[in-house]
Amino acid sequence: MHWTVVATPVGDLSIAADGAAICRIHFGPCPGSPVRRDDSLLTAAATQLAEYFAGRRTEFELPLASVGGSEFDRAVWAHLATIPYGEMRTYGEVAAAVGDRSAARAVGVACNRNRLPVLLPCHRVVGAGGKLVGFGGGLPRKRLLLELEARVRVESDFGL
């Protein structure tokens, strides 16, 4: 596995690739293998993340490898990818979408196990009534990500 580190408005993001796909995003410094700068997939990921944080990208075009997790986790992760930029869903709504209306807490656990935050936007999942709860990167980062997307969406909607 190869890693690179990208400075972002929410702090350093460490990105891991296995040669074929992005397999991990970690908030903070690289937790493992040596950092490489000559990996084309890592370069593409770093570029797309920079565009996202600059408000110029609303969708990622990267091969992703969701490693591990239960069947339920993988269903939640697949659903995360369908939540549009700048929109939010509650844990209960995601639970219903993956077939178990009573599994809101399990959705939270699956989001916490998401090894590709930002790319699989678990930050777009909120508590009932829009309450900001639960995020592996911390609630201040979740708030920043949601505010970024809301700002960019409003600017786009109004041609600002």
C-alpha atoms as a PDB file:
ATOM      1  CA  MET A   1       0.000   0.000   0.000  1.00  0.00           C
ATOM      2  CA  HIS A   2       1.218   3.515  -0.826  1.00  0.00           C
ATOM      3  CA  TRP A   3       0.288   6.691   1.044  1.00  0.00           C
ATOM      4  CA  THR A   4       0.341  10.413   0.432  1.00  0.00           C
ATOM      5  CA  VAL A   5      -0.680  13.291   2.669  1.00  0.00           C
ATOM      6  CA  VAL A   6      -2.760  16.253   1.493  1.00  0.00           C
ATOM      7  CA  ALA A   7      -3.220  19.484   3.451  1.00  0.00           C
ATOM      8  CA  THR A   8      -6.905  20.506   3.490  1.00  0.00           C
ATOM      9  CA  PRO A   9      -9.113  22.994   5.337  1.00  0.00           C
ATOM     10  CA  VAL A  10     -10.081  20.138   7.702  1.00  0.00           C
ATOM     11  CA  GLY A  11      -6.463  19.211   8.405  1.00  0.00           C
ATOM     12  CA  ASP A  12      -4.150  16.705   6.798  1.00  0.00           C
ATOM     13  CA  LEU A  13      -5.766  13.809   4.964  1.00  0.00           C
ATOM     14  CA  SER A  14      -3.649  10.721   4.445  1.00  0.00           C
ATOM     15  CA  ILE A  15      -4.669   8.773   1.353  1.00  0.00           C
ATOM     16  CA  ALA A  16      -3.769   5.140   0.710  1.00  0.00           C
ATOM     17  CA  ALA A  17      -3.858   3.270  -2.585  1.00  0.00           C
ATOM     18  CA  ASP A  18      -3.131  -0.360  -3.337  1.00  0.00           C
ATOM     19  CA  GLY A  19      -2.113   0.258  -6.947  1.00  0.00           C
ATOM     20  CA  ALA A  20      -5.595  -0.316  -8.361  1.00  0.00           C
ATOM     21  CA  ALA A  21      -7.866   1.733  -6.084  1.00  0.00           C
ATOM     22  CA  ILE A  22      -8.010   4.189  -3.217  1.00  0.00           C
ATOM     23  CA  CYS A  23      -8.482   2.033  -0.147  1.00  0.00           C
ATOM     24  CA  ARG A  24      -8.233   4.408   2.805  1.00  0.00           C
ATOM     25  CA  ILE A  25      -8.569   8.032   3.833  1.00  0.00           C
ATOM     26  CA  HIS A  26      -7.284   8.885   7.295  1.00  0.00           C
ATOM     27  CA  PHE A  27      -7.673  12.200   9.115  1.00  0.00           C
ATOM     28  CA  GLY A  28      -4.206  13.204  10.250  1.00  0.00           C
ATOM     29  CA  PRO A  29      -0.700  12.000   9.477  1.00  0.00           C
ATOM     30  CA  CYS A  30      -0.015   8.808   7.577  1.00  0.00           C
ATOM     31  CA  PRO A  31      -0.534   5.883   9.970  1.00  0.00           C
ATOM     32  CA  GLY A  32       1.451   3.290   8.075  1.00  0.00           C
ATOM     33  CA  SER A  33       3.639   2.735   5.058  1.00  0.00           C
ATOM     34  CA  PRO A  34       6.077   5.342   3.766  1.00  0.00           C
ATOM     35  CA  VAL A  35       4.651   8.307   1.909  1.00  0.00           C
ATOM     36  CA  ARG A  36       5.091   8.220  -1.877  1.00  0.00           C
ATOM     37  CA  ARG A  37       4.709  11.120  -4.236  1.00  0.00           C
ATOM     38  CA  ASP A  38       5.139   9.261  -7.550  1.00  0.00           C
ATOM     39  CA  ASP A  39       1.894   7.231  -7.580  1.00  0.00           C
ATOM     40  CA  SER A  40      -0.488   8.413 -10.328  1.00  0.00           C
ATOM     41  CA  LEU A  41      -3.593   7.218  -8.463  1.00  0.00           C
ATOM     42  CA  LEU A  42      -2.567   9.071  -5.306  1.00  0.00           C
ATOM     43  CA  THR A  43      -1.814  12.158  -7.398  1.00  0.00           C
ATOM     44  CA  ALA A  44      -5.288  11.971  -8.976  1.00  0.00           C
ATOM     45  CA  ALA A  45      -6.888  11.589  -5.539  1.00  0.00           C
ATOM     46  CA  ALA A  46      -4.926  14.542  -4.150  1.00  0.00           C
ATOM     47  CA  THR A  47      -5.914  16.675  -7.142  1.00  0.00           C
ATOM     48  CA  GLN A  48      -9.601  15.775  -6.881  1.00  0.00           C
ATOM     49  CA  LEU A  49      -9.648  16.422  -3.134  1.00  0.00           C
ATOM     50  CA  ALA A  50      -8.003  19.832  -3.687  1.00  0.00           C
ATOM     51  CA  GLU A  51     -10.693  20.626  -6.283  1.00  0.00           C
ATOM     52  CA  TYR A  52     -13.418  19.493  -3.851  1.00  0.00           C
ATOM     53  CA  PHE A  53     -12.111  21.719  -1.066  1.00  0.00           C
ATOM     54  CA  ALA A  54     -11.796  24.628  -3.509  1.00  0.00           C
ATOM     55  CA  GLY A  55     -15.473  24.203  -4.418  1.00  0.00           C
ATOM     56  CA  ARG A  56     -14.751  23.084  -7.988  1.00  0.00           C
ATOM     57  CA  ARG A  57     -15.641  19.384  -7.667  1.00  0.00           C
ATOM     58  CA  THR A  58     -18.880  17.818  -6.447  1.00  0.00           C
ATOM     59  CA  GLU A  59     -18.222  14.204  -7.483  1.00  0.00           C
ATOM     60  CA  PHE A  60     -15.118  12.062  -7.325  1.00  0.00           C
ATOM     61  CA  GLU A  61     -13.932   9.964 -10.248  1.00  0.00           C
ATOM     62  CA  LEU A  62     -11.619   7.521  -8.531  1.00  0.00           C
ATOM     63  CA  PRO A  63     -11.591   3.745  -8.235  1.00  0.00           C
ATOM     64  CA  LEU A  64     -12.471   2.890  -4.634  1.00  0.00           C
ATOM     65  CA  ALA A  65     -11.856  -0.305  -2.699  1.00  0.00           C
ATOM     66  CA  SER A  66     -14.167  -0.640   0.287  1.00  0.00           C
ATOM     67  CA  VAL A  67     -12.252  -3.177   2.312  1.00  0.00           C
ATOM     68  CA  GLY A  68     -13.860  -5.256   5.043  1.00  0.00           C
ATOM     69  CA  GLY A  69     -17.146  -4.616   6.743  1.00  0.00           C
ATOM     70  CA  SER A  70     -20.259  -6.707   6.964  1.00  0.00           C
ATOM     71  CA  GLU A  71     -22.840  -7.048   4.218  1.00  0.00           C
ATOM     72  CA  PHE A  72     -24.875  -4.366   6.006  1.00  0.00           C
ATOM     73  CA  ASP A  73     -21.831  -2.047   6.226  1.00  0.00           C
ATOM     74  CA  ARG A  74     -21.206  -2.438   2.496  1.00  0.00           C
ATOM     75  CA  ALA A  75     -24.869  -1.664   1.741  1.00  0.00           C
ATOM     76  CA  VAL A  76     -24.624   1.516   3.820  1.00  0.00           C
ATOM     77  CA  TRP A  77     -21.362   2.516   2.111  1.00  0.00           C
ATOM     78  CA  ALA A  78     -22.930   1.966  -1.305  1.00  0.00           C
ATOM     79  CA  HIS A  79     -25.851   4.156  -0.273  1.00  0.00           C
ATOM     80  CA  LEU A  80     -23.524   6.904   0.976  1.00  0.00           C
ATOM     81  CA  ALA A  81     -22.222   7.228  -2.577  1.00  0.00           C
ATOM     82  CA  THR A  82     -25.747   8.091  -3.775  1.00  0.00           C
ATOM     83  CA  ILE A  83     -26.328  11.007  -1.389  1.00  0.00           C
ATOM     84  CA  PRO A  84     -26.025  14.106  -3.565  1.00  0.00           C
ATOM     85  CA  TYR A  85     -23.457  16.791  -2.892  1.00  0.00           C
ATOM     86  CA  GLY A  86     -24.779  19.404  -0.492  1.00  0.00           C
ATOM     87  CA  GLU A  87     -27.638  17.236   0.775  1.00  0.00           C
ATOM     88  CA  MET A  88     -28.052  15.351   4.027  1.00  0.00           C
ATOM     89  CA  ARG A  89     -29.864  12.206   5.085  1.00  0.00           C
ATOM     90  CA  THR A  90     -30.669  11.059   8.590  1.00  0.00           C
ATOM     91  CA  TYR A  91     -29.399   7.775   9.977  1.00  0.00           C
ATOM     92  CA  GLY A  92     -33.018   6.594   9.928  1.00  0.00           C
ATOM     93  CA  GLU A  93     -33.442   7.509   6.258  1.00  0.00           C
ATOM     94  CA  VAL A  94     -30.298   5.585   5.350  1.00  0.00           C
ATOM     95  CA  ALA A  95     -31.493   2.621   7.415  1.00  0.00           C
ATOM     96  CA  ALA A  96     -34.793   2.600   5.517  1.00  0.00           C
ATOM     97  CA  ALA A  97     -32.982   2.920   2.190  1.00  0.00           C
ATOM     98  CA  VAL A  98     -30.888  -0.178   2.885  1.00  0.00           C
ATOM     99  CA  GLY A  99     -33.917  -2.177   3.998  1.00  0.00           C
ATOM    100  CA  ASP A 100     -34.108  -1.982   7.802  1.00  0.00           C
ATOM    101  CA  ARG A 101     -35.977   1.007   9.200  1.00  0.00           C
ATOM    102  CA  SER A 102     -35.003   0.039  12.756  1.00  0.00           C
ATOM    103  CA  ALA A 103     -31.248   0.031  12.068  1.00  0.00           C
ATOM    104  CA  ALA A 104     -30.396   3.726  12.497  1.00  0.00           C
ATOM    105  CA  ARG A 105     -27.757   2.944  15.148  1.00  0.00           C
ATOM    106  CA  ALA A 106     -26.254   0.237  12.948  1.00  0.00           C
ATOM    107  CA  VAL A 107     -25.997   2.828  10.166  1.00  0.00           C
ATOM    108  CA  GLY A 108     -23.993   4.975  12.577  1.00  0.00           C
ATOM    109  CA  VAL A 109     -21.667   2.058  13.262  1.00  0.00           C
ATOM    110  CA  ALA A 110     -21.258   1.422   9.520  1.00  0.00           C
ATOM    111  CA  CYS A 111     -20.481   5.108   8.946  1.00  0.00           C
ATOM    112  CA  ASN A 112     -17.871   4.936  11.682  1.00  0.00           C
ATOM    113  CA  ARG A 113     -16.291   1.937   9.910  1.00  0.00           C
ATOM    114  CA  ASN A 114     -16.176   3.803   6.588  1.00  0.00           C
ATOM    115  CA  ARG A 115     -12.508   3.774   5.557  1.00  0.00           C
ATOM    116  CA  LEU A 116     -13.105   6.324   2.771  1.00  0.00           C
ATOM    117  CA  PRO A 117     -14.560   9.426   4.461  1.00  0.00           C
ATOM    118  CA  VAL A 118     -15.154  12.414   2.190  1.00  0.00           C
ATOM    119  CA  LEU A 119     -15.038  10.122  -0.885  1.00  0.00           C
ATOM    120  CA  LEU A 120     -17.915   8.056   0.548  1.00  0.00           C
ATOM    121  CA  PRO A 121     -19.639  10.994   2.214  1.00  0.00           C
ATOM    122  CA  CYS A 122     -20.609   9.755   5.668  1.00  0.00           C
ATOM    123  CA  HIS A 123     -20.459  13.405   6.766  1.00  0.00           C
ATOM    124  CA  ARG A 124     -23.779  13.863   4.915  1.00  0.00           C
ATOM    125  CA  VAL A 125     -25.536  11.568   7.402  1.00  0.00           C
ATOM    126  CA  VAL A 126     -26.970  13.401  10.404  1.00  0.00           C
ATOM    127  CA  GLY A 127     -29.194  12.708  13.366  1.00  0.00           C
ATOM    128  CA  ALA A 128     -32.945  13.222  13.431  1.00  0.00           C
ATOM    129  CA  GLY A 129     -33.895  16.845  12.888  1.00  0.00           C
ATOM    130  CA  GLY A 130     -30.516  17.570  11.279  1.00  0.00           C
ATOM    131  CA  LYS A 131     -28.599  17.232  14.534  1.00  0.00           C
ATOM    132  CA  LEU A 132     -24.840  16.876  14.047  1.00  0.00           C
ATOM    133  CA  VAL A 133     -23.889  13.635  15.718  1.00  0.00           C
ATOM    134  CA  GLY A 134     -21.195  11.051  15.135  1.00  0.00           C
ATOM    135  CA  PHE A 135     -18.259  11.443  12.799  1.00  0.00           C
ATOM    136  CA  GLY A 136     -14.957   9.614  12.974  1.00  0.00           C
ATOM    137  CA  GLY A 137     -13.111  12.780  12.009  1.00  0.00           C
ATOM    138  CA  GLY A 138     -14.811  14.773  14.766  1.00  0.00           C
ATOM    139  CA  LEU A 139     -17.863  17.006  14.685  1.00  0.00           C
ATOM    140  CA  PRO A 140     -15.920  20.204  13.826  1.00  0.00           C
ATOM    141  CA  ARG A 141     -14.712  18.532  10.613  1.00  0.00           C
ATOM    142  CA  LYS A 142     -18.212  17.274   9.831  1.00  0.00           C
ATOM    143  CA  ARG A 143     -19.578  20.798  10.257  1.00  0.00           C
ATOM    144  CA  LEU A 144     -16.858  22.245   7.990  1.00  0.00           C
ATOM    145  CA  LEU A 145     -17.538  19.678   5.258  1.00  0.00           C
ATOM    146  CA  LEU A 146     -21.294  20.332   5.371  1.00  0.00           C
ATOM    147  CA  GLU A 147     -20.779  24.115   5.395  1.00  0.00           C
ATOM    148  CA  LEU A 148     -18.409  23.877   2.411  1.00  0.00           C
ATOM    149  CA  GLU A 149     -20.945  21.905   0.403  1.00  0.00           C
ATOM    150  CA  ALA A 150     -23.831  24.190   1.396  1.00  0.00           C
ATOM    151  CA  ARG A 151     -21.847  27.312   0.435  1.00  0.00           C
ATOM    152  CA  VAL A 152     -20.772  25.903  -2.929  1.00  0.00           C
ATOM    153  CA  ARG A 153     -24.288  24.708  -3.679  1.00  0.00           C
ATOM    154  CA  VAL A 154     -25.818  28.130  -2.929  1.00  0.00           C
ATOM    155  CA  GLU A 155     -23.162  29.880  -5.016  1.00  0.00           C
ATOM    156  CA  SER A 156     -23.855  27.489  -7.885  1.00  0.00           C
ATOM    157  CA  ASP A 157     -27.641  27.819  -7.602  1.00  0.00           C
ATOM    158  CA  PHE A 158     -27.427  31.610  -7.725  1.00  0.00           C
ATOM    159  CA  GLY A 159     -24.521  31.922 -10.167  1.00  0.00           C
ATOM    160  CA  LEU A 160     -22.286  33.616  -7.613  1.00  0.00           C
END
